[in-house]
Amino acid sequence: MKPKNITEFDNEALKIYMMAHRVLVSKQTDYGPSNIANAPGGPLNGLRVRIFDKVSRINNLLDTGAEPENESIRDSFLDLANYAIIGLMVLNDQWPDPKEWNNGIS
């Protein structure tokens, strides 16, 4: 259903933010902070490469009309949103230190 007013728009946006949040936390559990923190050229460079790859993938799928085999275009946009969040965390010095990371284990 398309939003018809700002309240409905807000609700729909919040649903997407919450879904992105769940995916981000789930993937963080799998990956941990090292893949970003220790990226060649630094965390922002690593994110730049990932974002470039994701945008290139989206462009290729849209330009060729090819059907994705492993990851939908929707999934690719979700990853882009989460890469932006990770980028903000890095810029805000909120990205976890891999040496201190325990993945919720006390």
Protein backbone atom coordinates (compact mmCIF):
# COMPACT_ATOMS: atom_id res chain seq x y z
CA MET A 1 0.00 0.00 0.00
CA LYS A 2 1.37 3.40 -0.96
CA PRO A 3 1.38 5.99 1.82
CA LYS A 4 -1.26 8.68 1.44
CA ASN A 5 0.03 11.07 4.10
CA ILE A 6 3.10 11.80 6.20
CA THR A 7 1.97 9.53 9.05
CA GLU A 8 1.65 6.53 6.73
CA PHE A 9 4.96 7.47 5.07
CA ASP A 10 6.61 7.63 8.50
CA ASN A 11 5.22 4.21 9.42
CA GLU A 12 6.40 2.60 6.18
CA ALA A 13 9.87 4.15 6.48
CA LEU A 14 10.13 2.95 10.08
CA LYS A 15 9.26 -0.61 9.02
CA ILE A 16 12.09 -0.54 6.49
CA TYR A 17 14.53 0.95 9.02
CA MET A 18 13.65 -1.79 11.50
CA MET A 19 14.13 -4.51 8.86
CA ALA A 20 17.50 -2.99 7.90
CA HIS A 21 18.45 -2.89 11.57
CA ARG A 22 17.63 -6.58 12.05
CA VAL A 23 19.70 -7.51 8.99
CA LEU A 24 22.61 -5.29 10.09
CA VAL A 25 22.73 -6.82 13.58
CA SER A 26 22.32 -10.34 12.21
CA LYS A 27 25.18 -9.89 9.74
CA GLN A 28 27.32 -8.26 12.43
CA THR A 29 26.88 -11.43 14.48
CA ASP A 30 28.21 -13.44 11.53
CA TYR A 31 30.99 -11.10 10.37
CA GLY A 32 32.15 -9.27 13.49
CA PRO A 33 33.87 -5.88 13.22
CA SER A 34 37.19 -6.98 11.67
CA ASN A 35 36.05 -7.03 8.05
CA ILE A 36 35.34 -3.29 8.25
CA ALA A 37 37.94 -2.22 10.83
CA ASN A 38 40.81 -4.02 9.09
CA ALA A 39 39.84 -3.35 5.47
CA PRO A 40 42.77 -2.57 3.17
CA GLY A 41 43.12 1.21 3.02
CA GLY A 42 41.02 1.61 6.17
CA PRO A 43 37.37 1.18 7.05
CA LEU A 44 36.00 3.95 4.81
CA ASN A 45 37.96 2.66 1.84
CA GLY A 46 36.61 -0.85 2.48
CA LEU A 47 33.08 0.53 2.60
CA ARG A 48 33.68 2.53 -0.57
CA VAL A 49 34.70 -0.65 -2.39
CA ARG A 50 31.67 -2.56 -1.08
CA ILE A 51 29.33 0.29 -2.04
CA PHE A 52 30.90 0.57 -5.51
CA ASP A 53 30.49 -3.19 -6.02
CA LYS A 54 26.86 -3.09 -4.86
CA VAL A 55 25.97 -0.12 -7.10
CA SER A 56 27.72 -1.80 -10.04
CA ARG A 57 25.68 -4.95 -9.39
CA ILE A 58 22.42 -2.99 -9.27
CA ASN A 59 23.33 -1.12 -12.46
CA ASN A 60 24.16 -4.34 -14.26
CA LEU A 61 20.91 -6.03 -13.24
CA LEU A 62 18.80 -3.01 -14.16
CA ASP A 63 20.65 -2.29 -17.41
CA THR A 64 20.61 -5.89 -18.66
CA GLY A 65 17.28 -6.97 -17.21
CA ALA A 66 19.01 -10.10 -15.92
CA GLU A 67 17.38 -12.06 -13.12
CA PRO A 68 19.61 -12.20 -10.04
CA GLU A 69 20.64 -15.71 -9.06
CA ASN A 70 21.60 -15.19 -5.42
CA GLU A 71 20.58 -11.76 -4.19
CA SER A 72 17.60 -9.63 -5.19
CA ILE A 73 17.86 -5.97 -6.12
CA ARG A 74 15.91 -5.28 -2.94
CA ASP A 75 18.63 -7.08 -0.93
CA SER A 76 21.28 -4.98 -2.68
CA PHE A 77 19.54 -1.74 -1.72
CA LEU A 78 19.19 -3.00 1.85
CA ASP A 79 22.93 -3.68 1.93
CA LEU A 80 23.59 -0.14 0.65
CA ALA A 81 21.47 1.33 3.46
CA ASN A 82 23.39 -0.70 6.01
CA TYR A 83 26.76 0.25 4.51
CA ALA A 84 25.71 3.89 4.95
CA ILE A 85 24.87 3.22 8.61
CA ILE A 86 28.22 1.49 9.10
CA GLY A 87 29.94 4.47 7.45
CA LEU A 88 28.26 6.83 9.89
CA MET A 89 29.30 4.62 12.79
CA VAL A 90 32.91 4.68 11.53
CA LEU A 91 32.83 8.47 11.12
CA ASN A 92 31.33 8.84 14.61
CA ASP A 93 34.05 6.56 16.03
CA GLN A 94 31.35 4.08 17.06
CA TRP A 95 32.53 1.08 15.05
CA PRO A 96 33.60 -1.70 17.45
CA ASP A 97 37.26 -2.42 18.07
CA PRO A 98 37.89 -6.03 16.96
CA LYS A 99 40.25 -6.54 19.91
CA GLU A 100 37.44 -5.76 22.33
CA TRP A 101 34.64 -7.55 20.44
CA ASN A 102 33.04 -10.51 22.18
CA ASN A 103 29.83 -10.90 20.09
CA GLY A 104 27.62 -10.69 23.17
CA ILE A 105 29.60 -13.23 25.15
CA SER A 106 30.46 -11.97 28.63
